[in-house]
Structures are given as structure tokens and as C-alpha cells.
C-alpha atoms as a PDB file:
ATOM      1  CA  MET A   1      49.862 -41.904 -11.078  1.00  0.00           C
ATOM      2  CA  GLN A   2      51.419 -40.968  -7.543  1.00  0.00           C
ATOM      3  CA  VAL A   3      48.036 -42.042  -4.845  1.00  0.00           C
ATOM      4  CA  ALA A   4      48.846 -39.294  -1.638  1.00  0.00           C
ATOM      5  CA  PRO A   5      50.473 -41.057   1.764  1.00  0.00           C
ATOM      6  CA  ALA A   6      46.683 -40.152   3.381  1.00  0.00           C
ATOM      7  CA  ALA A   7      44.690 -41.593   1.008  1.00  0.00           C
ATOM      8  CA  VAL A   8      46.884 -44.731   1.612  1.00  0.00           C
ATOM      9  CA  LEU A   9      46.447 -45.077   5.179  1.00  0.00           C
ATOM     10  CA  LEU A  10      42.640 -44.302   5.153  1.00  0.00           C
ATOM     11  CA  THR A  11      41.899 -47.329   2.464  1.00  0.00           C
ATOM     12  CA  ALA A  12      44.493 -49.698   4.849  1.00  0.00           C
ATOM     13  CA  ALA A  13      42.318 -48.319   7.904  1.00  0.00           C
ATOM     14  CA  ILE A  14      39.530 -49.042   5.899  1.00  0.00           C
ATOM     15  CA  ILE A  15      40.366 -52.712   5.671  1.00  0.00           C
ATOM     16  CA  SER A  16      41.768 -53.353   8.610  1.00  0.00           C
ATOM     17  CA  GLY A  17      38.717 -52.596  10.363  1.00  0.00           C
ATOM     18  CA  ALA A  18      40.181 -49.129  12.448  1.00  0.00           C
ATOM     19  CA  ALA A  19      38.719 -46.819  13.893  1.00  0.00           C
ATOM     20  CA  VAL A  20      38.957 -43.302  11.523  1.00  0.00           C
ATOM     21  CA  SER A  21      39.143 -40.269  13.002  1.00  0.00           C
ATOM     22  CA  ALA A  22      36.982 -37.051  11.785  1.00  0.00           C
ATOM     23  CA  PRO A  23      37.450 -35.949   8.849  1.00  0.00           C
ATOM     24  CA  VAL A  24      36.111 -38.002   6.861  1.00  0.00           C
ATOM     25  CA  ALA A  25      37.490 -39.161   3.396  1.00  0.00           C
ATOM     26  CA  ALA A  26      36.542 -36.615   0.726  1.00  0.00           C
ATOM     27  CA  ALA A  27      33.863 -38.651  -1.033  1.00  0.00           C
ATOM     28  CA  GLU A  28      31.585 -38.979   2.025  1.00  0.00           C
ATOM     29  CA  ARG A  29      32.192 -35.919   4.055  1.00  0.00           C
ATOM     30  CA  SER A  30      28.667 -34.113   2.472  1.00  0.00           C
ATOM     31  CA  THR A  31      26.581 -37.187   3.807  1.00  0.00           C
ATOM     32  CA  ILE A  32      28.562 -37.966   7.041  1.00  0.00           C
ATOM     33  CA  SER A  33      29.318 -35.998  10.479  1.00  0.00           C
ATOM     34  CA  ILE A  34      29.881 -36.102  13.544  1.00  0.00           C
ATOM     35  CA  ILE A  35      27.685 -34.456  16.508  1.00  0.00           C
ATOM     36  CA  ILE A  36      29.160 -34.054  20.680  1.00  0.00           C
ATOM     37  CA  LEU A  37      26.441 -35.558  22.502  1.00  0.00           C
ATOM     38  CA  SER A  38      28.234 -35.349  25.858  1.00  0.00           C
ATOM     39  CA  ALA A  39      31.466 -34.856  27.168  1.00  0.00           C
ATOM     40  CA  SER A  40      32.892 -35.232  30.648  1.00  0.00           C
ATOM     41  CA  PRO A  41      36.782 -36.153  31.641  1.00  0.00           C
ATOM     42  CA  ARG A  42      35.667 -39.412  31.799  1.00  0.00           C
ATOM     43  CA  THR A  43      33.132 -40.271  28.774  1.00  0.00           C
ATOM     44  CA  VAL A  44      32.395 -38.819  25.261  1.00  0.00           C
ATOM     45  CA  ARG A  45      28.997 -40.063  23.501  1.00  0.00           C
ATOM     46  CA  TRP A  46      28.741 -38.528  20.147  1.00  0.00           C
ATOM     47  CA  ALA A  47      26.433 -39.141  16.973  1.00  0.00           C
ATOM     48  CA  THR A  48      27.916 -40.074  13.918  1.00  0.00           C
ATOM     49  CA  ILE A  49      24.484 -38.733  11.101  1.00  0.00           C
ATOM     50  CA  HIS A  50      25.361 -40.909   8.522  1.00  0.00           C
ATOM     51  CA  LYS A  51      22.176 -39.679   5.974  1.00  0.00           C
ATOM     52  CA  VAL A  52      20.632 -36.132   6.260  1.00  0.00           C
ATOM     53  CA  PRO A  53      16.363 -35.338   5.291  1.00  0.00           C
ATOM     54  CA  ASP A  54      15.807 -36.236   1.602  1.00  0.00           C
ATOM     55  CA  PRO A  55      11.940 -34.711   0.387  1.00  0.00           C
ATOM     56  CA  ALA A  56      12.782 -36.922  -3.083  1.00  0.00           C
ATOM     57  CA  GLU A  57      13.056 -39.998  -0.859  1.00  0.00           C
ATOM     58  CA  ASP A  58      10.001 -39.208   1.235  1.00  0.00           C
ATOM     59  CA  ASP A  59      12.496 -38.954   3.831  1.00  0.00           C
ATOM     60  CA  PRO A  60      12.551 -35.624   6.036  1.00  0.00           C
ATOM     61  CA  TYR A  61      14.836 -37.493   8.802  1.00  0.00           C
ATOM     62  CA  TYR A  62      18.411 -37.729  10.113  1.00  0.00           C
ATOM     63  CA  HIS A  63      19.309 -40.893  10.517  1.00  0.00           C
ATOM     64  CA  VAL A  64      22.310 -41.471  13.232  1.00  0.00           C
ATOM     65  CA  GLU A  65      24.132 -44.358  15.261  1.00  0.00           C
ATOM     66  CA  VAL A  66      25.539 -43.174  18.526  1.00  0.00           C
ATOM     67  CA  ILE A  67      28.636 -43.560  19.779  1.00  0.00           C
ATOM     68  CA  GLU A  68      30.189 -43.984  23.797  1.00  0.00           C
ATOM     69  CA  LYS A  69      33.782 -44.141  24.178  1.00  0.00           C
ATOM     70  CA  GLU A  70      35.701 -43.959  27.704  1.00  0.00           C
ATOM     71  CA  ARG A  71      39.087 -41.235  26.644  1.00  0.00           C
ATOM     72  CA  CYS A  72      41.703 -42.996  27.931  1.00  0.00           C
ATOM     73  CA  THR A  73      40.861 -46.184  25.753  1.00  0.00           C
ATOM     74  CA  PRO A  74      42.286 -47.358  22.735  1.00  0.00           C
ATOM     75  CA  PRO A  75      39.817 -46.518  19.073  1.00  0.00           C
ATOM     76  CA  TRP A  76      38.945 -49.538  19.290  1.00  0.00           C
ATOM     77  CA  GLN A  77      37.476 -50.176  22.218  1.00  0.00           C
ATOM     78  CA  PHE A  78      34.264 -48.267  22.136  1.00  0.00           C
ATOM     79  CA  LYS A  79      30.378 -49.404  22.480  1.00  0.00           C
ATOM     80  CA  ARG A  80      27.733 -48.492  20.118  1.00  0.00           C
ATOM     81  CA  LEU A  81      24.295 -46.990  22.341  1.00  0.00           C
ATOM     82  CA  ALA A  82      22.192 -47.507  18.680  1.00  0.00           C
ATOM     83  CA  THR A  83      22.673 -48.995  15.779  1.00  0.00           C
ATOM     84  CA  HIS A  84      20.613 -46.107  13.855  1.00  0.00           C
ATOM     85  CA  VAL A  85      18.199 -43.447  15.474  1.00  0.00           C
ATOM     86  CA  VAL A  86      16.168 -41.620  13.183  1.00  0.00           C
ATOM     87  CA  VAL A  87      16.360 -37.707  14.377  1.00  0.00           C
ATOM     88  CA  THR A  88      13.973 -34.278  14.007  1.00  0.00           C
ATOM     89  CA  ALA A  89      15.844 -31.664  12.653  1.00  0.00           C
ATOM     90  CA  ALA A  90      15.012 -30.111  16.383  1.00  0.00           C
ATOM     91  CA  ALA A  91      15.473 -32.618  18.024  1.00  0.00           C
ATOM     92  CA  LEU A  92      19.010 -32.860  16.827  1.00  0.00           C
ATOM     93  CA  LYS A  93      19.425 -29.099  17.217  1.00  0.00           C
ATOM     94  CA  ARG A  94      18.769 -29.868  20.776  1.00  0.00           C
ATOM     95  CA  SER A  95      20.955 -32.739  20.940  1.00  0.00           C
ATOM     96  CA  ARG A  96      23.513 -30.372  20.067  1.00  0.00           C
ATOM     97  CA  GLN A  97      26.322 -29.800  22.491  1.00  0.00           C
ATOM     98  CA  ARG A  98      29.140 -27.456  22.311  1.00  0.00           C
ATOM     99  CA  TYR A  99      31.991 -30.113  23.761  1.00  0.00           C
ATOM    100  CA  LYS A 100      34.905 -30.043  21.286  1.00  0.00           C
ATOM    101  CA  ALA A 101      35.945 -34.385  21.680  1.00  0.00           C
ATOM    102  CA  LYS A 102      38.095 -36.679  19.641  1.00  0.00           C
ATOM    103  CA  THR A 103      36.299 -38.843  17.607  1.00  0.00           C
ATOM    104  CA  TYR A 104      36.365 -42.018  15.710  1.00  0.00           C
ATOM    105  CA  PHE A 105      34.320 -43.011  12.316  1.00  0.00           C
ATOM    106  CA  TYR A 106      33.231 -46.537  12.350  1.00  0.00           C
ATOM    107  CA  LYS A 107      32.629 -49.076   9.489  1.00  0.00           C
ATOM    108  CA  ASP A 108      28.705 -48.532   9.565  1.00  0.00           C
ATOM    109  CA  PHE A 109      26.959 -52.534   7.912  1.00  0.00           C
ATOM    110  CA  GLU A 110      24.553 -52.863  11.088  1.00  0.00           C
ATOM    111  CA  LEU A 111      23.523 -48.691  10.345  1.00  0.00           C
ATOM    112  CA  ARG A 112      22.184 -49.942   6.652  1.00  0.00           C
ATOM    113  CA  ILE A 113      21.068 -53.198   7.653  1.00  0.00           C
ATOM    114  CA  ALA A 114      18.489 -51.356  10.367  1.00  0.00           C
ATOM    115  CA  TYR A 115      18.267 -48.511   7.773  1.00  0.00           C
ATOM    116  CA  GLN A 116      17.344 -50.464   5.162  1.00  0.00           C
ATOM    117  CA  ASN A 117      14.447 -51.838   7.070  1.00  0.00           C
ATOM    118  CA  TRP A 118      13.238 -48.355   8.753  1.00  0.00           C
ATOM    119  CA  ARG A 119      12.247 -48.018   4.585  1.00  0.00           C
ATOM    120  CA  THR A 120      10.385 -50.873   4.402  1.00  0.00           C
ATOM    121  CA  ARG A 121       8.146 -50.397   6.969  1.00  0.00           C
ATOM    122  CA  PRO A 122       4.614 -48.940   6.127  1.00  0.00           C
ATOM    123  CA  HIS A 123       4.889 -45.161   6.660  1.00  0.00           C
ATOM    124  CA  ALA A 124       3.193 -45.193  10.054  1.00  0.00           C
ATOM    125  CA  GLN A 125       5.312 -47.254  10.990  1.00  0.00           C
ATOM    126  CA  ARG A 126       8.346 -44.946  10.353  1.00  0.00           C
ATOM    127  CA  LYS A 127       6.978 -42.228  11.622  1.00  0.00           C
ATOM    128  CA  ALA A 128       5.818 -43.476  15.123  1.00  0.00           C
ATOM    129  CA  GLY A 129      10.224 -44.635  15.923  1.00  0.00           C
ATOM    130  CA  VAL A 130      11.169 -41.086  15.394  1.00  0.00           C
ATOM    131  CA  CYS A 131      13.348 -39.506  18.201  1.00  0.00           C
ATOM    132  CA  ARG A 132      11.367 -35.833  18.859  1.00  0.00           C
ATOM    133  CA  THR A 133      13.435 -35.220  22.096  1.00  0.00           C
ATOM    134  CA  THR A 134      17.259 -35.655  22.318  1.00  0.00           C
ATOM    135  CA  ILE A 135      19.194 -38.567  21.071  1.00  0.00           C
ATOM    136  CA  LEU A 136      20.266 -39.478  24.466  1.00  0.00           C
ATOM    137  CA  GLU A 137      16.886 -39.595  25.870  1.00  0.00           C
ATOM    138  CA  CYS A 138      15.868 -41.680  23.233  1.00  0.00           C
ATOM    139  CA  VAL A 139      18.553 -44.019  23.533  1.00  0.00           C
ATOM    140  CA  GLY A 140      18.018 -44.489  26.834  1.00  0.00           C
ATOM    141  CA  VAL A 141      21.330 -43.060  28.577  1.00  0.00           C
ATOM    142  CA  ALA A 142      20.004 -38.856  29.188  1.00  0.00           C
ATOM    143  CA  GLY A 143      21.364 -38.200  32.814  1.00  0.00           C
ATOM    144  CA  LYS A 144      22.976 -41.178  33.538  1.00  0.00           C
ATOM    145  CA  SER A 145      27.153 -40.945  35.002  1.00  0.00           C
ATOM    146  CA  ASP A 146      29.675 -41.278  33.248  1.00  0.00           C
END
């Protein structure tokens, strides 16, 4: 059996903890995508969508993590602005910018833990913490200079 070189590199990058540039591995493409929230000559902010609405699980929201990265720094130097943000479809649409920018995919252990904690809360508590404006407003960086 011959293994594709790209699969070997992706596996090595994931094991070593390195950033993996989008597109993500084929198995994850259906549930993970990235949208640009803001881009300036100096900084890029994006949301990685990890979980899409699932009516079967009584979960009508998107679940994202929010990343900020200085453009001139190496891939492993980044800031997680939010580990887990629960977002409505309308807020996600308002947050999306049409900029093009290089993004990376980082390990999502923190998001998975936060998502599981969110799922165990009572329904009313879960609904109260949903982002309904824009993602950058919800994480408190809307309007901040880059």
C-alpha cells in the first residue's frame, strides 16, 4: 500500500502540533471551514467553524473558535480570541468578510471540551450565551485597531 505524501505531511504536522494550512484533511472538510472576520495589512482574524447546526441534536447553532494572527509571524505564533463561541446563522453571515487571507488550522482540544460543557448546561442557559450580533462583537474586539 502506498501512502500519499500529502497525507504523511498532514499526519506529521498534526502529531507535532504544527499549524495546518487550509484546506483541511478530506475527512474533516465537511464539518470544518474557515471564514475571515477581518484582515488588515498587519493582522488577520478568522473563525474556524467546527460544528454546524444539527436539529437531530437539538442544536440550531454554529460552534466556532476565533483566532488572531499577525501576518509577519510564524504559523505557531497566534492568539486564540475565543475557544468556543456559539453563533446564530444570521450572526455568522454578518461576521463574514470577503477578504482573502492565509489562515491555519490549529488543534481544537479546548473547543471540544468547551463544547461538551456547553452541551451539559440546561437549555435556557445554553440559549442565553448565543452570539446574535457579529463574532468580533461577541468576543469584544470589534472596532479595535490592528
